[in-house]
Amino acid sequence: MVELVTEAVVFDKEDLGESDSRIFLYTRDLGKIIAKAKSARKITSKLAAHLQPLNYITVRLAAKKDFDGRGFQITDALLRNEAPNSRINNSDNLKKAIKIVRLINLAVPENTPDQALWNFIYQLSAGEGNFKLSDAFQLLGFNPAFASCELCGKGKPDYFFGEKEIFVCRTCGSGLGAPRQENFISVND
């Protein structure tokens, strides 16, 4: 068993089984990782409050063999913000921050640490960011200002399709399930 303690920002969480959760994190040392939090959905869980989206935490990860990106388990987490999302002081900024985190979660592969991206995510979680989706797109190398629909070639795309990492217009996007599916992000906000 190998252990690592690192700083992280929580992106998202999903239910896993009866009482566990799958947690999506961006860590300073490993980049994006997906880890299991055992019993995180139980009412007595010590981890649940710390593993909320946009929380800046110190996390202890355990891996069976090495940190190759598979098999992480969260053994401990501690909230680093004094108050969760304390500086994200209005609902518009919170909505924008969550949308940006969704984009990064969709577009960034696991185990690819990036210091510039870490700084951006950290500032966002601390409420110090400018909450611009366009800045996140540019940081990731996707600039909608210079993009067109990948399927029909129309300029000014409406959605970013995270699963394929392409831009699509409203017409082509609706054929793929936009905006109902979670892996579509509107670029016009």
N, C-alpha and C. Protein backbone atom coordinates (compact mmCIF):
# COMPACT_ATOMS: atom_id res chain seq x y z
N MET A 1 0.85 -1.18 0.00
CA MET A 1 0.00 0.00 0.00
C MET A 1 0.89 1.24 0.00
N VAL A 2 0.62 2.16 -0.90
CA VAL A 2 1.37 3.40 -1.02
C VAL A 2 0.44 4.54 -0.64
N GLU A 3 0.98 5.52 0.10
CA GLU A 3 0.17 6.66 0.54
C GLU A 3 0.78 7.96 0.05
N LEU A 4 -0.10 8.94 -0.20
CA LEU A 4 0.33 10.27 -0.60
C LEU A 4 -0.59 11.29 0.04
N VAL A 5 -0.03 12.37 0.56
CA VAL A 5 -0.81 13.48 1.08
C VAL A 5 -0.56 14.65 0.14
N THR A 6 -1.63 15.26 -0.37
CA THR A 6 -1.50 16.36 -1.32
C THR A 6 -2.66 17.33 -1.19
N GLU A 7 -2.51 18.49 -1.78
CA GLU A 7 -3.59 19.46 -1.85
C GLU A 7 -4.45 19.13 -3.07
N ALA A 8 -5.74 19.42 -2.97
CA ALA A 8 -6.65 19.13 -4.08
C ALA A 8 -7.85 20.06 -4.04
N VAL A 9 -8.48 20.20 -5.19
CA VAL A 9 -9.77 20.87 -5.29
C VAL A 9 -10.75 19.82 -5.77
N VAL A 10 -11.89 19.72 -5.10
CA VAL A 10 -12.91 18.73 -5.47
C VAL A 10 -13.67 19.26 -6.67
N PHE A 11 -13.76 18.45 -7.72
CA PHE A 11 -14.52 18.81 -8.92
C PHE A 11 -15.97 18.35 -8.81
N ASP A 12 -16.15 17.07 -8.50
CA ASP A 12 -17.48 16.48 -8.55
C ASP A 12 -17.47 15.19 -7.75
N LYS A 13 -18.66 14.67 -7.50
CA LYS A 13 -18.76 13.36 -6.87
C LYS A 13 -19.97 12.65 -7.43
N GLU A 14 -19.87 11.32 -7.46
CA GLU A 14 -20.95 10.46 -7.95
C GLU A 14 -21.19 9.36 -6.93
N ASP A 15 -22.42 8.88 -6.89
CA ASP A 15 -22.73 7.74 -6.04
C ASP A 15 -22.06 6.50 -6.60
N LEU A 16 -21.59 5.66 -5.71
CA LEU A 16 -20.93 4.43 -6.09
C LEU A 16 -21.38 3.35 -5.12
N GLY A 17 -22.18 2.44 -5.60
CA GLY A 17 -22.70 1.40 -4.71
C GLY A 17 -23.69 1.97 -3.71
N GLU A 18 -23.83 1.28 -2.58
CA GLU A 18 -24.83 1.66 -1.60
C GLU A 18 -24.43 2.86 -0.75
N SER A 19 -23.16 2.95 -0.37
CA SER A 19 -22.77 4.04 0.53
C SER A 19 -21.46 4.73 0.15
N ASP A 20 -20.83 4.29 -0.93
CA ASP A 20 -19.56 4.87 -1.34
C ASP A 20 -19.78 6.01 -2.35
N SER A 21 -18.72 6.75 -2.61
CA SER A 21 -18.75 7.82 -3.61
C SER A 21 -17.50 7.75 -4.47
N ARG A 22 -17.66 8.16 -5.71
CA ARG A 22 -16.53 8.35 -6.62
C ARG A 22 -16.28 9.85 -6.65
N ILE A 23 -15.07 10.27 -6.31
CA ILE A 23 -14.73 11.68 -6.18
C ILE A 23 -13.75 12.07 -7.29
N PHE A 24 -14.06 13.16 -7.98
CA PHE A 24 -13.19 13.70 -9.02
C PHE A 24 -12.42 14.87 -8.41
N LEU A 25 -11.10 14.78 -8.41
CA LEU A 25 -10.24 15.78 -7.79
C LEU A 25 -9.20 16.28 -8.78
N TYR A 26 -8.76 17.52 -8.58
CA TYR A 26 -7.56 17.99 -9.26
C TYR A 26 -6.54 18.26 -8.17
N THR A 27 -5.45 17.51 -8.20
CA THR A 27 -4.43 17.62 -7.16
C THR A 27 -3.22 18.40 -7.67
N ARG A 28 -2.53 19.00 -6.75
CA ARG A 28 -1.32 19.75 -7.09
C ARG A 28 -0.26 18.82 -7.67
N ASP A 29 -0.13 17.62 -7.12
CA ASP A 29 0.97 16.72 -7.49
C ASP A 29 0.65 15.76 -8.64
N LEU A 30 -0.59 15.31 -8.75
CA LEU A 30 -0.93 14.28 -9.73
C LEU A 30 -1.84 14.77 -10.86
N GLY A 31 -2.34 15.98 -10.78
CA GLY A 31 -3.32 16.43 -11.77
C GLY A 31 -4.69 15.87 -11.42
N LYS A 32 -5.48 15.61 -12.44
CA LYS A 32 -6.83 15.09 -12.20
C LYS A 32 -6.77 13.61 -11.83
N ILE A 33 -7.49 13.26 -10.78
CA ILE A 33 -7.61 11.86 -10.39
C ILE A 33 -9.05 11.56 -10.02
N ILE A 34 -9.37 10.29 -10.05
CA ILE A 34 -10.68 9.81 -9.61
C ILE A 34 -10.40 8.84 -8.47
N ALA A 35 -11.03 9.08 -7.34
CA ALA A 35 -10.76 8.25 -6.16
C ALA A 35 -12.07 7.79 -5.53
N LYS A 36 -12.00 6.68 -4.85
CA LYS A 36 -13.15 6.14 -4.14
C LYS A 36 -13.11 6.62 -2.70
N ALA A 37 -14.27 7.03 -2.20
CA ALA A 37 -14.40 7.40 -0.79
C ALA A 37 -15.37 6.41 -0.16
N LYS A 38 -14.84 5.49 0.62
CA LYS A 38 -15.69 4.46 1.24
C LYS A 38 -16.60 5.07 2.29
N SER A 39 -17.85 4.67 2.24
CA SER A 39 -18.88 5.07 3.21
C SER A 39 -19.09 6.57 3.29
N ALA A 40 -18.75 7.30 2.23
CA ALA A 40 -18.87 8.77 2.24
C ALA A 40 -20.32 9.24 2.24
N ARG A 41 -21.25 8.36 1.89
CA ARG A 41 -22.66 8.76 1.86
C ARG A 41 -23.40 8.39 3.14
N LYS A 42 -22.72 7.74 4.06
CA LYS A 42 -23.35 7.42 5.34
C LYS A 42 -23.48 8.69 6.17
N ILE A 43 -24.51 8.75 6.99
CA ILE A 43 -24.77 9.94 7.80
C ILE A 43 -23.65 10.20 8.80
N THR A 44 -22.92 9.16 9.17
CA THR A 44 -21.83 9.30 10.14
C THR A 44 -20.47 9.53 9.48
N SER A 45 -20.44 9.73 8.18
CA SER A 45 -19.18 9.86 7.46
C SER A 45 -18.41 11.11 7.87
N LYS A 46 -17.13 10.94 8.15
CA LYS A 46 -16.29 12.08 8.48
C LYS A 46 -15.77 12.77 7.22
N LEU A 47 -15.90 12.12 6.07
CA LEU A 47 -15.38 12.67 4.82
C LEU A 47 -16.39 13.53 4.06
N ALA A 48 -17.67 13.25 4.21
CA ALA A 48 -18.70 13.83 3.35
C ALA A 48 -18.65 15.36 3.26
N ALA A 49 -18.52 16.05 4.35
CA ALA A 49 -18.54 17.52 4.33
C ALA A 49 -17.32 18.10 3.63
N HIS A 50 -16.21 17.39 3.66
CA HIS A 50 -14.98 17.89 3.06
C HIS A 50 -14.94 17.67 1.55
N LEU A 51 -15.71 16.71 1.05
CA LEU A 51 -15.64 16.31 -0.35
C LEU A 51 -16.76 16.91 -1.19
N GLN A 52 -17.07 18.17 -0.96
CA GLN A 52 -18.08 18.88 -1.74
C GLN A 52 -17.40 19.64 -2.88
N PRO A 53 -18.08 19.79 -4.03
CA PRO A 53 -17.48 20.49 -5.17
C PRO A 53 -16.97 21.89 -4.80
N LEU A 54 -15.81 22.21 -5.36
CA LEU A 54 -15.09 23.47 -5.20
C LEU A 54 -14.38 23.62 -3.86
N ASN A 55 -14.42 22.61 -3.02
CA ASN A 55 -13.68 22.68 -1.76
C ASN A 55 -12.19 22.47 -2.02
N TYR A 56 -11.38 23.27 -1.36
CA TYR A 56 -9.93 23.13 -1.39
C TYR A 56 -9.56 22.32 -0.15
N ILE A 57 -8.95 21.15 -0.38
CA ILE A 57 -8.72 20.21 0.72
C ILE A 57 -7.28 19.69 0.73
N THR A 58 -6.89 19.16 1.86
CA THR A 58 -5.71 18.31 1.95
C THR A 58 -6.26 16.89 2.01
N VAL A 59 -5.77 16.05 1.13
CA VAL A 59 -6.33 14.70 1.01
C VAL A 59 -5.21 13.67 1.15
N ARG A 60 -5.52 12.58 1.84
CA ARG A 60 -4.60 11.45 1.95
C ARG A 60 -5.16 10.36 1.04
N LEU A 61 -4.33 9.95 0.08
CA LEU A 61 -4.73 8.94 -0.90
C LEU A 61 -3.93 7.67 -0.66
N ALA A 62 -4.59 6.56 -0.82
CA ALA A 62 -3.92 5.26 -0.74
C ALA A 62 -4.10 4.56 -2.08
N ALA A 63 -3.04 3.93 -2.55
CA ALA A 63 -3.09 3.16 -3.79
C ALA A 63 -2.51 1.78 -3.50
N LYS A 64 -3.03 0.78 -4.19
CA LYS A 64 -2.60 -0.58 -3.92
C LYS A 64 -1.14 -0.82 -4.27
N LYS A 65 -0.70 -0.33 -5.44
CA LYS A 65 0.69 -0.58 -5.85
C LYS A 65 1.47 0.71 -6.02
N ASP A 66 0.98 1.58 -6.90
CA ASP A 66 1.66 2.85 -7.14
C ASP A 66 0.64 3.87 -7.60
N PHE A 67 1.08 5.08 -7.82
CA PHE A 67 0.16 6.15 -8.21
C PHE A 67 0.07 6.25 -9.72
N ASP A 68 -0.42 5.18 -10.36
CA ASP A 68 -0.55 5.17 -11.81
C ASP A 68 -1.92 5.67 -12.27
N GLY A 69 -2.75 6.14 -11.35
CA GLY A 69 -4.05 6.70 -11.73
C GLY A 69 -5.22 5.78 -11.50
N ARG A 70 -4.98 4.56 -11.13
CA ARG A 70 -6.07 3.63 -10.91
C ARG A 70 -6.03 3.14 -9.47
N GLY A 71 -7.18 2.91 -8.90
CA GLY A 71 -7.24 2.30 -7.59
C GLY A 71 -6.98 3.23 -6.42
N PHE A 72 -7.20 4.52 -6.59
CA PHE A 72 -7.04 5.43 -5.47
C PHE A 72 -8.20 5.30 -4.50
N GLN A 73 -7.89 5.42 -3.23
CA GLN A 73 -8.92 5.49 -2.21
C GLN A 73 -8.59 6.65 -1.29
N ILE A 74 -9.60 7.45 -0.97
CA ILE A 74 -9.42 8.57 -0.05
C ILE A 74 -9.53 8.02 1.37
N THR A 75 -8.46 8.17 2.12
CA THR A 75 -8.48 7.69 3.50
C THR A 75 -8.72 8.82 4.49
N ASP A 76 -8.43 10.06 4.07
CA ASP A 76 -8.64 11.19 4.96
C ASP A 76 -8.72 12.46 4.11
N ALA A 77 -9.50 13.42 4.55
CA ALA A 77 -9.60 14.71 3.86
C ALA A 77 -9.87 15.78 4.90
N LEU A 78 -9.28 16.94 4.69
CA LEU A 78 -9.44 18.05 5.60
C LEU A 78 -9.64 19.32 4.79
N LEU A 79 -10.71 20.03 5.08
CA LEU A 79 -11.03 21.27 4.38
C LEU A 79 -9.99 22.32 4.70
N ARG A 80 -9.44 22.97 3.67
CA ARG A 80 -8.43 24.00 3.87
C ARG A 80 -9.03 25.40 3.87
N ASN A 81 -10.13 25.60 3.14
CA ASN A 81 -10.80 26.91 3.16
C ASN A 81 -11.31 27.16 4.57
N GLU A 82 -11.29 28.39 5.00
CA GLU A 82 -11.86 28.70 6.32
C GLU A 82 -13.36 28.46 6.32
N ALA A 83 -14.01 28.87 5.27
CA ALA A 83 -15.43 28.58 5.08
C ALA A 83 -15.58 28.12 3.64
N PRO A 84 -16.27 27.01 3.40
CA PRO A 84 -16.39 26.49 2.05
C PRO A 84 -16.92 27.55 1.08
N ASN A 85 -16.19 27.74 0.01
CA ASN A 85 -16.59 28.68 -1.05
C ASN A 85 -16.91 30.07 -0.49
N SER A 86 -16.20 30.46 0.58
CA SER A 86 -16.53 31.69 1.29
C SER A 86 -16.41 32.94 0.43
N ARG A 87 -15.50 32.92 -0.51
CA ARG A 87 -15.32 34.12 -1.33
C ARG A 87 -16.14 34.09 -2.60
N ILE A 88 -16.73 32.97 -2.92
CA ILE A 88 -17.64 32.93 -4.07
C ILE A 88 -18.96 33.45 -3.54
N ASN A 89 -19.06 34.77 -3.56
CA ASN A 89 -20.07 35.46 -2.76
C ASN A 89 -21.41 35.68 -3.42
N ASN A 90 -21.59 35.24 -4.65
CA ASN A 90 -22.93 35.35 -5.22
C ASN A 90 -23.23 34.15 -6.10
N SER A 91 -24.50 33.94 -6.36
CA SER A 91 -24.92 32.74 -7.06
C SER A 91 -24.44 32.72 -8.51
N ASP A 92 -24.31 33.89 -9.14
CA ASP A 92 -23.81 33.91 -10.52
C ASP A 92 -22.37 33.41 -10.59
N ASN A 93 -21.53 33.88 -9.67
CA ASN A 93 -20.14 33.41 -9.65
C ASN A 93 -20.05 31.94 -9.30
N LEU A 94 -20.91 31.46 -8.41
CA LEU A 94 -20.91 30.05 -8.06
C LEU A 94 -21.31 29.20 -9.26
N LYS A 95 -22.34 29.63 -10.00
CA LYS A 95 -22.76 28.90 -11.21
C LYS A 95 -21.63 28.86 -12.23
N LYS A 96 -20.97 30.00 -12.43
CA LYS A 96 -19.86 30.06 -13.38
C LYS A 96 -18.71 29.16 -12.94
N ALA A 97 -18.39 29.18 -11.65
CA ALA A 97 -17.30 28.36 -11.13
C ALA A 97 -17.60 26.87 -11.32
N ILE A 98 -18.83 26.47 -11.06
CA ILE A 98 -19.21 25.06 -11.24
C ILE A 98 -19.14 24.67 -12.71
N LYS A 99 -19.55 25.57 -13.59
CA LYS A 99 -19.49 25.30 -15.03
C LYS A 99 -18.04 25.16 -15.49
N ILE A 100 -17.16 26.01 -14.98
CA ILE A 100 -15.74 25.94 -15.34
C ILE A 100 -15.13 24.63 -14.84
N VAL A 101 -15.47 24.24 -13.63
CA VAL A 101 -14.97 22.98 -13.07
C VAL A 101 -15.48 21.79 -13.88
N ARG A 102 -16.73 21.84 -14.32
CA ARG A 102 -17.27 20.78 -15.19
C ARG A 102 -16.47 20.69 -16.48
N LEU A 103 -16.18 21.85 -17.09
CA LEU A 103 -15.40 21.87 -18.33
C LEU A 103 -14.03 21.23 -18.11
N ILE A 104 -13.35 21.64 -17.07
CA ILE A 104 -12.01 21.11 -16.81
C ILE A 104 -12.07 19.61 -16.53
N ASN A 105 -13.07 19.18 -15.79
CA ASN A 105 -13.24 17.75 -15.49
C ASN A 105 -13.45 16.95 -16.78
N LEU A 106 -14.21 17.50 -17.73
CA LEU A 106 -14.45 16.82 -19.00
C LEU A 106 -13.22 16.81 -19.90
N ALA A 107 -12.48 17.90 -19.92
CA ALA A 107 -11.43 18.09 -20.93
C ALA A 107 -10.05 17.59 -20.52
N VAL A 108 -9.80 17.46 -19.24
CA VAL A 108 -8.45 17.13 -18.78
C VAL A 108 -8.34 15.63 -18.51
N PRO A 109 -7.32 14.98 -19.08
CA PRO A 109 -7.12 13.55 -18.79
C PRO A 109 -6.53 13.36 -17.39
N GLU A 110 -6.63 12.15 -16.91
CA GLU A 110 -6.09 11.83 -15.59
C GLU A 110 -4.57 11.83 -15.61
N ASN A 111 -3.99 12.09 -14.45
CA ASN A 111 -2.55 12.00 -14.22
C ASN A 111 -1.71 12.88 -15.14
N THR A 112 -2.16 14.10 -15.37
CA THR A 112 -1.36 15.05 -16.15
C THR A 112 -1.28 16.36 -15.37
N PRO A 113 -0.38 16.44 -14.40
CA PRO A 113 -0.29 17.66 -13.60
C PRO A 113 0.13 18.85 -14.45
N ASP A 114 -0.44 20.01 -14.16
CA ASP A 114 -0.17 21.25 -14.89
C ASP A 114 -0.23 22.38 -13.87
N GLN A 115 0.90 23.03 -13.63
CA GLN A 115 0.96 24.06 -12.59
C GLN A 115 0.08 25.25 -12.91
N ALA A 116 0.03 25.68 -14.17
CA ALA A 116 -0.82 26.82 -14.55
C ALA A 116 -2.29 26.48 -14.32
N LEU A 117 -2.68 25.27 -14.67
CA LEU A 117 -4.07 24.84 -14.46
C LEU A 117 -4.36 24.74 -12.97
N TRP A 118 -3.42 24.21 -12.19
CA TRP A 118 -3.61 24.13 -10.74
C TRP A 118 -3.83 25.52 -10.15
N ASN A 119 -3.01 26.49 -10.55
CA ASN A 119 -3.15 27.86 -10.04
C ASN A 119 -4.53 28.44 -10.37
N PHE A 120 -4.99 28.20 -11.60
CA PHE A 120 -6.30 28.68 -12.03
C PHE A 120 -7.41 28.05 -11.18
N ILE A 121 -7.34 26.74 -11.00
CA ILE A 121 -8.36 26.02 -10.23
C ILE A 121 -8.34 26.45 -8.77
N TYR A 122 -7.14 26.60 -8.21
CA TYR A 122 -7.03 27.04 -6.82
C TYR A 122 -7.65 28.42 -6.64
N GLN A 123 -7.33 29.37 -7.53
CA GLN A 123 -7.90 30.72 -7.43
C GLN A 123 -9.42 30.68 -7.57
N LEU A 124 -9.90 29.82 -8.44
CA LEU A 124 -11.34 29.68 -8.62
C LEU A 124 -12.00 29.18 -7.34
N SER A 125 -11.41 28.16 -6.70
CA SER A 125 -12.00 27.61 -5.47
C SER A 125 -11.94 28.61 -4.33
N ALA A 126 -10.93 29.49 -4.36
CA ALA A 126 -10.78 30.50 -3.30
C ALA A 126 -11.62 31.74 -3.58
N GLY A 127 -12.28 31.77 -4.73
CA GLY A 127 -13.09 32.94 -5.08
C GLY A 127 -12.26 34.09 -5.61
N GLU A 128 -11.00 33.83 -5.93
CA GLU A 128 -10.12 34.89 -6.41
C GLU A 128 -10.10 34.96 -7.93
N GLY A 129 -10.67 33.96 -8.59
CA GLY A 129 -10.66 33.92 -10.05
C GLY A 129 -11.63 34.93 -10.63
N ASN A 130 -11.52 35.11 -11.94
CA ASN A 130 -12.42 36.05 -12.60
C ASN A 130 -13.66 35.35 -13.14
N PHE A 131 -13.76 34.05 -12.95
CA PHE A 131 -14.96 33.28 -13.28
C PHE A 131 -15.35 33.41 -14.76
N LYS A 132 -14.37 33.46 -15.65
CA LYS A 132 -14.64 33.55 -17.08
C LYS A 132 -14.42 32.18 -17.72
N LEU A 133 -15.47 31.67 -18.35
CA LEU A 133 -15.39 30.40 -19.04
C LEU A 133 -14.38 30.49 -20.18
N SER A 134 -14.31 31.64 -20.84
CA SER A 134 -13.38 31.81 -21.96
C SER A 134 -11.93 31.64 -21.51
N ASP A 135 -11.61 32.09 -20.30
CA ASP A 135 -10.24 31.91 -19.78
C ASP A 135 -9.92 30.43 -19.58
N ALA A 136 -10.90 29.68 -19.09
CA ALA A 136 -10.69 28.24 -18.90
C ALA A 136 -10.49 27.55 -20.24
N PHE A 137 -11.31 27.90 -21.24
CA PHE A 137 -11.15 27.32 -22.58
C PHE A 137 -9.75 27.61 -23.12
N GLN A 138 -9.30 28.86 -22.99
CA GLN A 138 -7.98 29.23 -23.51
C GLN A 138 -6.87 28.50 -22.77
N LEU A 139 -6.98 28.36 -21.47
CA LEU A 139 -5.98 27.66 -20.69
C LEU A 139 -5.88 26.19 -21.11
N LEU A 140 -7.01 25.62 -21.50
CA LEU A 140 -7.05 24.22 -21.93
C LEU A 140 -6.68 24.04 -23.40
N GLY A 141 -6.50 25.16 -24.12
CA GLY A 141 -6.15 25.08 -25.53
C GLY A 141 -7.34 25.04 -26.46
N PHE A 142 -8.52 25.32 -25.96
CA PHE A 142 -9.74 25.36 -26.77
C PHE A 142 -10.27 26.79 -26.74
N ASN A 143 -10.13 27.51 -27.83
CA ASN A 143 -10.62 28.89 -27.85
C ASN A 143 -11.84 28.97 -28.76
N PRO A 144 -13.05 29.13 -28.19
CA PRO A 144 -14.26 29.16 -29.01
C PRO A 144 -14.29 30.32 -30.00
N ALA A 145 -13.53 31.38 -29.75
CA ALA A 145 -13.52 32.52 -30.67
C ALA A 145 -12.96 32.13 -32.04
N PHE A 146 -12.10 31.14 -32.07
CA PHE A 146 -11.50 30.70 -33.33
C PHE A 146 -12.03 29.35 -33.79
N ALA A 147 -13.07 28.85 -33.14
CA ALA A 147 -13.60 27.52 -33.44
C ALA A 147 -14.81 27.60 -34.36
N SER A 148 -15.09 26.48 -34.98
CA SER A 148 -16.32 26.31 -35.76
C SER A 148 -16.87 24.94 -35.45
N CYS A 149 -18.11 24.69 -35.87
CA CYS A 149 -18.74 23.39 -35.62
C CYS A 149 -17.92 22.31 -36.31
N GLU A 150 -17.54 21.32 -35.57
CA GLU A 150 -16.73 20.22 -36.09
C GLU A 150 -17.50 19.38 -37.11
N LEU A 151 -18.82 19.37 -37.01
CA LEU A 151 -19.63 18.51 -37.87
C LEU A 151 -20.08 19.17 -39.16
N CYS A 152 -20.48 20.46 -39.10
CA CYS A 152 -20.99 21.13 -40.31
C CYS A 152 -20.14 22.31 -40.76
N GLY A 153 -19.21 22.76 -39.93
CA GLY A 153 -18.33 23.85 -40.30
C GLY A 153 -18.85 25.25 -40.01
N LYS A 154 -20.06 25.36 -39.46
CA LYS A 154 -20.63 26.67 -39.14
C LYS A 154 -19.77 27.38 -38.10
N GLY A 155 -19.56 28.68 -38.30
CA GLY A 155 -18.79 29.46 -37.35
C GLY A 155 -19.56 29.68 -36.06
N LYS A 156 -18.88 30.18 -35.05
CA LYS A 156 -19.48 30.48 -33.74
C LYS A 156 -20.24 29.28 -33.17
N PRO A 157 -19.54 28.30 -32.64
CA PRO A 157 -20.22 27.13 -32.06
C PRO A 157 -20.99 27.50 -30.79
N ASP A 158 -21.98 26.68 -30.47
CA ASP A 158 -22.81 26.91 -29.29
C ASP A 158 -22.42 26.04 -28.11
N TYR A 159 -21.87 24.85 -28.39
CA TYR A 159 -21.57 23.90 -27.33
C TYR A 159 -20.17 23.33 -27.49
N PHE A 160 -19.60 22.96 -26.35
CA PHE A 160 -18.39 22.15 -26.33
C PHE A 160 -18.82 20.77 -25.89
N PHE A 161 -18.53 19.77 -26.70
CA PHE A 161 -18.90 18.38 -26.42
C PHE A 161 -17.68 17.72 -25.78
N GLY A 162 -17.69 17.62 -24.45
CA GLY A 162 -16.54 17.17 -23.69
C GLY A 162 -16.12 15.74 -23.98
N GLU A 163 -17.06 14.88 -24.29
CA GLU A 163 -16.74 13.48 -24.55
C GLU A 163 -15.79 13.33 -25.74
N LYS A 164 -16.01 14.13 -26.78
CA LYS A 164 -15.18 14.07 -27.99
C LYS A 164 -14.20 15.24 -28.09
N GLU A 165 -14.34 16.20 -27.17
CA GLU A 165 -13.52 17.42 -27.16
C GLU A 165 -13.63 18.17 -28.48
N ILE A 166 -14.88 18.43 -28.89
CA ILE A 166 -15.15 19.18 -30.11
C ILE A 166 -16.19 20.26 -29.84
N PHE A 167 -16.20 21.28 -30.69
CA PHE A 167 -17.23 22.31 -30.65
C PHE A 167 -18.30 21.94 -31.67
N VAL A 168 -19.57 22.19 -31.31
CA VAL A 168 -20.68 21.94 -32.23
C VAL A 168 -21.67 23.09 -32.17
N CYS A 169 -22.41 23.28 -33.27
CA CYS A 169 -23.45 24.31 -33.31
C CYS A 169 -24.71 23.76 -32.65
N ARG A 170 -25.71 24.61 -32.49
CA ARG A 170 -26.95 24.20 -31.84
C ARG A 170 -27.64 23.07 -32.61
N THR A 171 -27.67 23.16 -33.94
CA THR A 171 -28.35 22.14 -34.76
C THR A 171 -27.66 20.79 -34.63
N CYS A 172 -26.36 20.75 -34.82
CA CYS A 172 -25.62 19.49 -34.71
C CYS A 172 -25.61 18.97 -33.27
N GLY A 173 -25.53 19.89 -32.33
CA GLY A 173 -25.53 19.51 -30.92
C GLY A 173 -26.83 18.86 -30.50
N SER A 174 -27.96 19.36 -31.02
CA SER A 174 -29.25 18.77 -30.64
C SER A 174 -29.36 17.34 -31.16
N GLY A 175 -28.72 17.05 -32.28
CA GLY A 175 -28.68 15.68 -32.79
C GLY A 175 -27.86 14.75 -31.92
N LEU A 176 -26.94 15.32 -31.17
CA LEU A 176 -26.10 14.53 -30.26
C LEU A 176 -26.64 14.50 -28.83
N GLY A 177 -27.73 15.23 -28.59
CA GLY A 177 -28.33 15.23 -27.25
C GLY A 177 -28.12 16.50 -26.46
N ALA A 178 -27.52 17.52 -27.05
CA ALA A 178 -27.30 18.79 -26.32
C ALA A 178 -28.62 19.52 -26.19
N PRO A 179 -28.86 20.28 -25.18
CA PRO A 179 -28.02 20.51 -24.01
C PRO A 179 -28.39 19.60 -22.85
N ARG A 180 -29.15 18.55 -23.10
CA ARG A 180 -29.64 17.70 -22.01
C ARG A 180 -28.52 16.89 -21.34
N GLN A 181 -27.56 16.47 -22.10
CA GLN A 181 -26.50 15.64 -21.54
C GLN A 181 -25.49 16.47 -20.76
N GLU A 182 -24.92 15.87 -19.74
CA GLU A 182 -23.97 16.58 -18.88
C GLU A 182 -22.64 16.87 -19.56
N ASN A 183 -22.31 16.14 -20.63
CA ASN A 183 -21.01 16.38 -21.25
C ASN A 183 -21.05 17.45 -22.34
N PHE A 184 -22.10 18.27 -22.37
CA PHE A 184 -22.18 19.45 -23.23
C PHE A 184 -22.09 20.69 -22.36
N ILE A 185 -21.26 21.64 -22.78
CA ILE A 185 -21.14 22.90 -22.05
C ILE A 185 -21.40 24.03 -23.04
N SER A 186 -22.34 24.89 -22.71
CA SER A 186 -22.64 26.04 -23.55
C SER A 186 -21.47 27.01 -23.52
N VAL A 187 -21.03 27.47 -24.70
CA VAL A 187 -19.89 28.39 -24.76
C VAL A 187 -20.34 29.85 -24.82
N ASN A 188 -21.64 30.08 -24.82
CA ASN A 188 -22.17 31.44 -24.98
C ASN A 188 -22.52 32.11 -23.67
N ASP A 189 -21.88 31.76 -22.60
CA ASP A 189 -22.19 32.39 -21.30
C ASP A 189 -21.07 33.29 -20.85
